[in-house]
Amino acid sequence: MARKRWRWKRSPLSPGAWVFWDF
């Protein structure tokens, strides 16, 4: 199983909005 690290990153579609990315 791949390890998913949830981090807060800025959304390219919504400037100023922070979303969770699984990288």
N, C-alpha and C. Protein backbone atom coordinates (compact mmCIF):
# COMPACT_ATOMS: atom_id res chain seq x y z
N MET A 1 0.85 -1.22 0.00
CA MET A 1 0.00 0.00 0.00
C MET A 1 0.88 1.25 0.00
N ALA A 2 0.48 2.19 -0.79
CA ALA A 2 1.25 3.44 -0.88
C ALA A 2 0.96 4.34 0.32
N ARG A 3 2.01 4.97 0.79
CA ARG A 3 1.84 5.87 1.93
C ARG A 3 1.34 7.22 1.47
N LYS A 4 0.22 7.63 2.03
CA LYS A 4 -0.35 8.92 1.64
C LYS A 4 -0.13 9.96 2.73
N ARG A 5 0.53 11.02 2.38
CA ARG A 5 0.77 12.09 3.35
C ARG A 5 -0.13 13.27 3.02
N TRP A 6 -1.06 13.53 3.92
CA TRP A 6 -1.99 14.64 3.68
C TRP A 6 -1.36 15.94 4.12
N ARG A 7 -1.25 16.88 3.19
CA ARG A 7 -0.69 18.19 3.51
C ARG A 7 -1.57 19.30 2.98
N TRP A 8 -1.46 20.43 3.64
CA TRP A 8 -2.23 21.60 3.19
C TRP A 8 -1.49 22.28 2.06
N LYS A 9 -2.14 22.41 0.91
CA LYS A 9 -1.52 23.11 -0.23
C LYS A 9 -2.54 24.03 -0.89
N ARG A 10 -2.00 25.06 -1.54
CA ARG A 10 -2.90 26.01 -2.21
C ARG A 10 -3.48 25.40 -3.48
N SER A 11 -4.77 25.57 -3.65
CA SER A 11 -5.43 25.01 -4.83
C SER A 11 -5.20 25.89 -6.05
N PRO A 12 -4.70 25.30 -7.14
CA PRO A 12 -4.43 26.04 -8.38
C PRO A 12 -5.71 26.55 -9.03
N LEU A 13 -6.81 25.86 -8.79
CA LEU A 13 -8.08 26.27 -9.38
C LEU A 13 -8.72 27.39 -8.57
N SER A 14 -8.51 27.31 -7.26
CA SER A 14 -9.09 28.35 -6.41
C SER A 14 -7.99 29.09 -5.65
N PRO A 15 -7.56 30.24 -6.18
CA PRO A 15 -6.50 31.04 -5.54
C PRO A 15 -6.92 31.51 -4.16
N GLY A 16 -6.04 31.27 -3.18
CA GLY A 16 -6.36 31.70 -1.83
C GLY A 16 -7.06 30.62 -1.03
N ALA A 17 -7.35 29.50 -1.71
CA ALA A 17 -8.04 28.40 -1.02
C ALA A 17 -7.04 27.28 -0.70
N TRP A 18 -7.16 26.74 0.49
CA TRP A 18 -6.26 25.67 0.89
C TRP A 18 -7.00 24.33 0.90
N VAL A 19 -6.37 23.32 0.29
CA VAL A 19 -7.00 22.01 0.23
C VAL A 19 -6.01 20.91 0.63
N PHE A 20 -6.53 19.73 0.86
CA PHE A 20 -5.67 18.60 1.25
C PHE A 20 -5.22 17.81 0.02
N TRP A 21 -3.92 17.61 -0.09
CA TRP A 21 -3.39 16.82 -1.20
C TRP A 21 -2.74 15.55 -0.66
N ASP A 22 -3.01 14.45 -1.30
CA ASP A 22 -2.40 13.19 -0.85
C ASP A 22 -1.14 12.90 -1.67
N PHE A 23 0.00 13.30 -1.13
CA PHE A 23 1.26 13.07 -1.83
C PHE A 23 2.18 12.24 -0.96
